Amino acid sequence: MPKSSTRTDPDPTPPRSLPCHPAHGAIALVLGATGIGFAPLWIRSSELGPFSTGAYRLLFACPVFYLWRRWELKKAATSGSSRHPKLEQHDRLWLVLAGLFFAGDMALWNWSLHLTSVANSTLITNLTPLLVMVGAWFLFRERVTRQYLLSLPLAFAGVYLLVRPASADAPSHWKGDFISGIAAFFYAGYLLSLRVIRQRHSTAGALYGAGVTSCIALFLIAWLAGEPLLPPTPGGWLPLLALGFISHVGGQGLIAYGFGHVTAAVGSLVLLVQPVVAAALAWWCLGESMGSLQLAGAVLVLIGIGVAVRRS
């Protein structure tokens, strides 16, 4: 049996953690990051403000997670399984915390995309793996392996080469860059909270509980900011639906599943697949050039991720 966590649990006989499948988790994270890689295109094309756009992303996704969660509970009740334990008070606190962190990340990141270039925002927000590594070590005493310490600079160098050529000639938008940096802290908080929740609860349970909090918080922020809450044209619903079902149900759903099977540090590093996908989409959909430096950067990112997950 693995050694228990250094944190004490108020329940002397806590439910057993969900099964761990690191290889499955890493694959799910890659696919989830691919879904998230589409998000900047849809956020930029939304007819609503950044806060309303984020709120609708959660509003469309939450019913799917609710139905998924109900199906899990019904299946568990039929089979007599104990893999979906009852939510305790500390579980609810972590869910609310995860929801608030994600709402902050969505509000700030969506806002930054209207104030700076997609390239700059992507480069800055991808500092998240470093923040998660420090947080996971400090809060949960997760061990940092030699493979991870080797892969981190490789992946960061790859992201820099991949993104920086597209933003080098862009005007300096220090406000948007600063907001992107704050968003990275919020996303790191969300991933760390998600890691805690996924040790005891399923993907659907984690995302539904956190998503309800995020949705309420984002609609409140949008209302306080005076943003319109309905798209002015019927076509304005399309990017919102895509964000909800592809980027959140698909992308965040797979990410939440993956974080139940790998360490927080490795999981956050695997998510650096996202800028690779975003750059490929920009080349394919928007006609942006991809030079040799960007291709080399994409290769470095993939090598860094491969080194980090090799033991899994």
Protein backbone atom coordinates (compact mmCIF):
# COMPACT_ATOMS: atom_id res chain seq x y z
CA MET A 1 0.00 0.00 0.00
CA PRO A 2 1.31 3.52 -0.79
CA LYS A 3 2.23 5.75 2.10
CA SER A 4 -0.52 8.09 3.23
CA SER A 5 -0.34 11.81 2.52
CA THR A 6 1.30 14.12 5.06
CA ARG A 7 -2.04 15.89 5.38
CA THR A 8 -4.42 14.38 7.96
CA ASP A 9 -7.99 13.56 6.95
CA PRO A 10 -10.79 14.13 9.45
CA ASP A 11 -12.25 10.75 8.46
CA PRO A 12 -10.14 7.94 10.03
CA THR A 13 -11.18 5.54 7.23
CA PRO A 14 -11.27 7.66 4.03
CA PRO A 15 -12.55 6.16 0.77
CA ARG A 16 -9.97 4.55 -1.43
CA SER A 17 -8.53 6.77 -4.17
CA LEU A 18 -9.61 6.16 -7.74
CA PRO A 19 -7.43 3.76 -9.77
CA CYS A 20 -4.26 5.29 -11.26
CA HIS A 21 -3.39 4.76 -14.95
CA PRO A 22 -0.54 7.18 -15.80
CA ALA A 23 -0.35 6.28 -19.51
CA HIS A 24 -4.10 6.79 -19.94
CA GLY A 25 -3.84 10.07 -18.04
CA ALA A 26 -1.05 11.40 -20.25
CA ILE A 27 -2.96 10.51 -23.45
CA ALA A 28 -6.10 12.18 -22.09
CA LEU A 29 -4.12 15.33 -21.26
CA VAL A 30 -2.71 15.52 -24.79
CA LEU A 31 -6.18 15.20 -26.30
CA GLY A 32 -7.63 17.68 -23.81
CA ALA A 33 -4.93 20.25 -24.56
CA THR A 34 -5.75 19.80 -28.25
CA GLY A 35 -9.37 20.75 -27.55
CA ILE A 36 -8.29 23.77 -25.53
CA GLY A 37 -5.98 24.82 -28.39
CA PHE A 38 -9.06 25.82 -30.41
CA ALA A 39 -10.30 28.20 -27.71
CA PRO A 40 -8.40 31.40 -28.68
CA LEU A 41 -9.91 31.34 -32.17
CA TRP A 42 -13.46 31.13 -30.80
CA ILE A 43 -12.87 33.68 -28.04
CA ARG A 44 -11.61 36.19 -30.62
CA SER A 45 -14.66 35.56 -32.86
CA SER A 46 -17.22 35.89 -30.04
CA GLU A 47 -19.67 38.79 -30.31
CA LEU A 48 -19.81 39.10 -26.52
CA GLY A 49 -17.30 40.50 -24.05
CA PRO A 50 -14.63 38.31 -22.46
CA PHE A 51 -16.56 37.68 -19.22
CA SER A 52 -19.89 36.80 -20.87
CA THR A 53 -18.07 34.53 -23.32
CA GLY A 54 -16.49 32.61 -20.46
CA ALA A 55 -19.82 32.38 -18.63
CA TYR A 56 -21.58 30.80 -21.61
CA ARG A 57 -18.74 28.35 -22.02
CA LEU A 58 -19.58 27.01 -18.55
CA LEU A 59 -23.36 27.34 -18.98
CA PHE A 60 -23.39 25.03 -22.00
CA ALA A 61 -20.95 22.56 -20.45
CA CYS A 62 -22.49 22.13 -16.99
CA PRO A 63 -25.68 20.25 -18.10
CA VAL A 64 -23.49 17.68 -19.88
CA PHE A 65 -21.40 17.12 -16.76
CA TYR A 66 -24.58 16.93 -14.64
CA LEU A 67 -26.06 14.18 -16.82
CA TRP A 68 -22.73 12.40 -16.91
CA ARG A 69 -22.52 12.55 -13.10
CA ARG A 70 -26.08 11.26 -12.69
CA TRP A 71 -25.28 8.35 -14.99
CA GLU A 72 -22.18 7.53 -12.92
CA LEU A 73 -24.12 7.57 -9.66
CA LYS A 74 -26.91 5.42 -11.09
CA LYS A 75 -24.40 2.91 -12.42
CA ALA A 76 -22.54 2.85 -9.10
CA ALA A 77 -25.79 2.30 -7.17
CA THR A 78 -26.76 -0.59 -9.46
CA SER A 79 -23.39 -2.31 -9.17
CA GLY A 80 -22.84 -1.52 -5.49
CA SER A 81 -19.57 0.25 -6.30
CA SER A 82 -17.91 2.62 -3.80
CA ARG A 83 -15.89 4.52 -6.40
CA HIS A 84 -18.10 7.64 -6.06
CA PRO A 85 -18.00 8.57 -2.38
CA LYS A 86 -20.35 11.10 -0.87
CA LEU A 87 -19.18 14.72 -0.97
CA GLU A 88 -17.77 15.74 2.39
CA GLN A 89 -17.51 19.32 3.62
CA HIS A 90 -13.85 19.63 2.64
CA ASP A 91 -14.67 18.25 -0.84
CA ARG A 92 -17.23 21.01 -1.33
CA LEU A 93 -14.70 23.62 -0.24
CA TRP A 94 -12.18 22.35 -2.80
CA LEU A 95 -14.86 22.36 -5.52
CA VAL A 96 -15.79 25.98 -4.75
CA LEU A 97 -12.12 26.94 -4.66
CA ALA A 98 -11.48 25.24 -8.02
CA GLY A 99 -14.52 27.00 -9.51
CA LEU A 100 -13.38 30.42 -8.31
CA PHE A 101 -9.85 29.85 -9.60
CA PHE A 102 -11.19 28.78 -12.99
CA ALA A 103 -13.56 31.75 -13.17
CA GLY A 104 -10.64 34.07 -12.45
CA ASP A 105 -8.53 32.37 -15.08
CA MET A 106 -11.29 32.54 -17.72
CA ALA A 107 -12.11 36.18 -16.99
CA LEU A 108 -8.48 37.31 -17.05
CA TRP A 109 -7.33 35.19 -19.99
CA ASN A 110 -10.32 36.11 -22.17
CA TRP A 111 -9.75 39.76 -21.27
CA SER A 112 -6.04 39.57 -22.11
CA LEU A 113 -6.83 38.24 -25.60
CA HIS A 114 -8.57 41.55 -26.32
CA LEU A 115 -5.62 43.62 -25.02
CA THR A 116 -2.55 41.82 -26.33
CA SER A 117 -1.63 39.41 -29.09
CA VAL A 118 -2.65 35.75 -28.92
CA ALA A 119 1.06 34.91 -29.14
CA ASN A 120 2.04 37.05 -26.14
CA SER A 121 -0.88 35.78 -24.06
CA THR A 122 -0.05 32.16 -24.93
CA LEU A 123 3.63 32.63 -24.08
CA ILE A 124 2.92 34.17 -20.67
CA THR A 125 0.10 31.88 -19.56
CA ASN A 126 2.24 28.84 -20.34
CA LEU A 127 4.35 29.63 -17.29
CA THR A 128 1.69 27.60 -15.44
CA PRO A 129 3.75 24.33 -15.25
CA LEU A 130 6.46 26.08 -13.24
CA LEU A 131 3.87 27.48 -10.81
CA VAL A 132 2.16 24.09 -10.49
CA MET A 133 5.46 22.33 -9.83
CA VAL A 134 6.26 24.70 -6.94
CA GLY A 135 2.69 24.51 -5.59
CA ALA A 136 2.51 20.71 -5.78
CA TRP A 137 5.82 20.37 -3.94
CA PHE A 138 4.91 22.93 -1.28
CA LEU A 139 1.29 21.89 -0.67
CA PHE A 140 1.28 18.15 -1.38
CA ARG A 141 4.97 17.21 -1.18
CA GLU A 142 4.87 15.71 -4.66
CA ARG A 143 8.38 14.63 -5.61
CA VAL A 144 10.04 16.47 -8.52
CA THR A 145 11.90 13.92 -10.65
CA ARG A 146 15.12 14.43 -12.59
CA GLN A 147 13.20 13.77 -15.80
CA TYR A 148 10.83 16.63 -15.00
CA LEU A 149 13.65 19.06 -14.21
CA LEU A 150 15.28 18.15 -17.54
CA SER A 151 12.04 18.39 -19.52
CA LEU A 152 10.91 21.76 -18.12
CA PRO A 153 13.59 23.96 -19.78
CA LEU A 154 13.28 21.98 -23.02
CA ALA A 155 9.53 22.55 -23.17
CA PHE A 156 9.79 26.23 -22.16
CA ALA A 157 12.45 26.85 -24.81
CA GLY A 158 10.18 25.18 -27.35
CA VAL A 159 7.20 27.35 -26.39
CA TYR A 160 9.38 30.47 -26.67
CA LEU A 161 10.60 29.54 -30.16
CA LEU A 162 7.09 28.50 -31.20
CA VAL A 163 5.30 31.66 -30.05
CA ARG A 164 7.84 34.47 -29.92
CA PRO A 165 8.43 34.89 -33.69
CA ALA A 166 4.73 35.65 -34.11
CA SER A 167 4.78 38.31 -31.40
CA ALA A 168 8.20 39.91 -31.88
CA ASP A 169 6.93 42.58 -34.23
CA ALA A 170 3.64 43.15 -32.39
CA PRO A 171 3.21 46.41 -30.46
CA SER A 172 3.87 46.26 -26.75
CA HIS A 173 0.60 45.75 -24.85
CA TRP A 174 1.91 45.68 -21.31
CA LYS A 175 -1.57 45.72 -19.73
CA GLY A 176 -2.71 42.60 -21.57
CA ASP A 177 0.62 40.87 -20.87
CA PHE A 178 0.31 41.66 -17.15
CA ILE A 179 -3.25 40.30 -17.05
CA SER A 180 -2.04 37.13 -18.80
CA GLY A 181 0.52 36.68 -16.05
CA ILE A 182 -2.13 36.92 -13.33
CA ALA A 183 -4.29 34.43 -15.27
CA ALA A 184 -1.40 31.93 -15.12
CA PHE A 185 -1.52 32.04 -11.31
CA PHE A 186 -5.28 31.44 -11.31
CA TYR A 187 -4.97 28.51 -13.73
CA ALA A 188 -2.22 26.99 -11.57
CA GLY A 189 -4.57 27.27 -8.57
CA TYR A 190 -7.33 25.57 -10.56
CA LEU A 191 -5.10 22.66 -11.63
CA LEU A 192 -3.82 22.12 -8.08
CA SER A 193 -7.38 22.17 -6.71
CA LEU A 194 -8.47 19.78 -9.45
CA ARG A 195 -5.66 17.42 -8.53
CA VAL A 196 -6.97 17.23 -4.94
CA ILE A 197 -10.59 16.64 -5.99
CA ARG A 198 -9.71 13.96 -8.53
CA GLN A 199 -8.04 11.81 -5.88
CA ARG A 200 -11.51 10.95 -4.50
CA HIS A 201 -14.08 11.92 -7.12
CA SER A 202 -14.76 11.32 -10.79
CA THR A 203 -14.15 13.64 -13.74
CA ALA A 204 -17.83 14.53 -14.13
CA GLY A 205 -18.30 15.19 -10.42
CA ALA A 206 -15.26 17.46 -10.28
CA LEU A 207 -16.13 19.47 -13.39
CA TYR A 208 -19.82 19.84 -12.58
CA GLY A 209 -19.20 21.04 -9.03
CA ALA A 210 -16.45 23.47 -10.03
CA GLY A 211 -18.29 24.53 -13.21
CA VAL A 212 -21.43 25.71 -11.40
CA THR A 213 -19.33 28.01 -9.20
CA SER A 214 -17.38 29.31 -12.22
CA CYS A 215 -20.54 29.94 -14.25
CA ILE A 216 -22.23 31.96 -11.49
CA ALA A 217 -19.06 33.95 -10.80
CA LEU A 218 -18.49 34.78 -14.49
CA PHE A 219 -22.08 35.90 -15.12
CA LEU A 220 -21.83 38.10 -12.01
CA ILE A 221 -18.56 39.63 -13.25
CA ALA A 222 -20.06 40.20 -16.73
CA TRP A 223 -23.12 41.92 -15.22
CA LEU A 224 -21.00 44.13 -12.97
CA ALA A 225 -18.78 45.04 -15.95
CA GLY A 226 -21.85 46.06 -17.96
CA GLU A 227 -21.28 43.54 -20.75
CA PRO A 228 -24.24 42.46 -22.94
CA LEU A 229 -25.47 39.04 -21.89
CA LEU A 230 -26.97 37.95 -25.23
CA PRO A 231 -25.26 37.78 -28.66
CA PRO A 232 -26.66 40.42 -31.05
CA THR A 233 -26.95 37.97 -33.99
CA PRO A 234 -27.89 34.27 -34.25
CA GLY A 235 -24.41 33.49 -35.54
CA GLY A 236 -22.99 34.79 -32.28
CA TRP A 237 -24.07 31.58 -30.55
CA LEU A 238 -21.77 29.39 -32.66
CA PRO A 239 -18.41 30.25 -31.01
CA LEU A 240 -20.06 30.02 -27.58
CA LEU A 241 -21.40 26.54 -28.35
CA ALA A 242 -18.00 25.48 -29.68
CA LEU A 243 -16.29 26.75 -26.53
CA GLY A 244 -18.77 24.94 -24.32
CA PHE A 245 -18.87 21.56 -26.02
CA ILE A 246 -15.45 21.21 -27.66
CA SER A 247 -13.06 23.24 -25.51
CA HIS A 248 -14.74 22.65 -22.15
CA VAL A 249 -16.65 19.35 -22.27
CA GLY A 250 -14.04 17.76 -24.52
CA GLY A 251 -10.89 19.65 -23.54
CA GLN A 252 -11.38 20.24 -19.81
CA GLY A 253 -13.15 16.90 -19.43
CA LEU A 254 -10.12 15.02 -20.69
CA ILE A 255 -7.79 17.24 -18.65
CA ALA A 256 -9.76 16.57 -15.47
CA TYR A 257 -9.63 12.82 -16.20
CA GLY A 258 -5.89 13.00 -16.83
CA PHE A 259 -5.17 14.87 -13.60
CA GLY A 260 -6.59 11.95 -11.67
CA HIS A 261 -3.85 9.68 -13.03
CA VAL A 262 -0.61 11.72 -13.16
CA THR A 263 1.16 14.10 -10.81
CA ALA A 264 0.16 17.76 -10.94
CA ALA A 265 3.60 18.86 -12.18
CA VAL A 266 3.77 16.36 -15.06
CA GLY A 267 0.12 16.98 -15.97
CA SER A 268 0.60 20.72 -16.27
CA LEU A 269 3.68 20.20 -18.44
CA VAL A 270 1.79 17.91 -20.83
CA LEU A 271 -0.68 20.78 -21.34
CA LEU A 272 2.07 22.63 -23.24
CA VAL A 273 0.77 20.69 -26.23
CA GLN A 274 -1.79 23.53 -26.36
CA PRO A 275 0.47 26.20 -27.97
CA VAL A 276 1.65 23.63 -30.51
CA VAL A 277 -1.97 23.02 -31.50
CA ALA A 278 -2.77 26.75 -31.49
CA ALA A 279 0.19 27.50 -33.78
CA ALA A 280 -0.82 24.71 -36.17
CA LEU A 281 -4.40 26.01 -36.28
CA ALA A 282 -3.20 29.56 -36.91
CA TRP A 283 -1.13 28.26 -39.83
CA TRP A 284 -3.98 26.14 -41.19
CA CYS A 285 -7.02 28.38 -40.55
CA LEU A 286 -5.59 31.90 -40.54
CA GLY A 287 -2.76 31.52 -43.04
CA GLU A 288 -0.08 32.50 -40.52
CA SER A 289 3.40 31.40 -41.52
CA MET A 290 5.28 28.74 -39.59
CA GLY A 291 9.00 29.09 -40.07
CA SER A 292 11.88 26.84 -39.15
CA LEU A 293 12.19 28.37 -35.64
CA GLN A 294 8.55 27.64 -34.88
CA LEU A 295 8.85 24.09 -36.18
CA ALA A 296 11.95 23.58 -34.04
CA GLY A 297 10.03 24.97 -31.06
CA ALA A 298 7.16 22.55 -31.61
CA VAL A 299 9.62 19.64 -31.73
CA LEU A 300 11.31 20.81 -28.51
CA VAL A 301 7.95 21.03 -26.71
CA LEU A 302 7.06 17.48 -27.74
CA ILE A 303 10.51 16.19 -26.72
CA GLY A 304 10.19 17.88 -23.32
CA ILE A 305 6.77 16.33 -22.76
CA GLY A 306 8.06 12.93 -23.85
CA VAL A 307 10.94 13.13 -21.36
CA ALA A 308 8.56 14.12 -18.54
CA VAL A 309 6.11 11.23 -19.09
CA ARG A 310 8.67 8.57 -20.11
CA ARG A 311 8.54 6.74 -16.76
CA SER A 312 4.75 6.60 -16.91
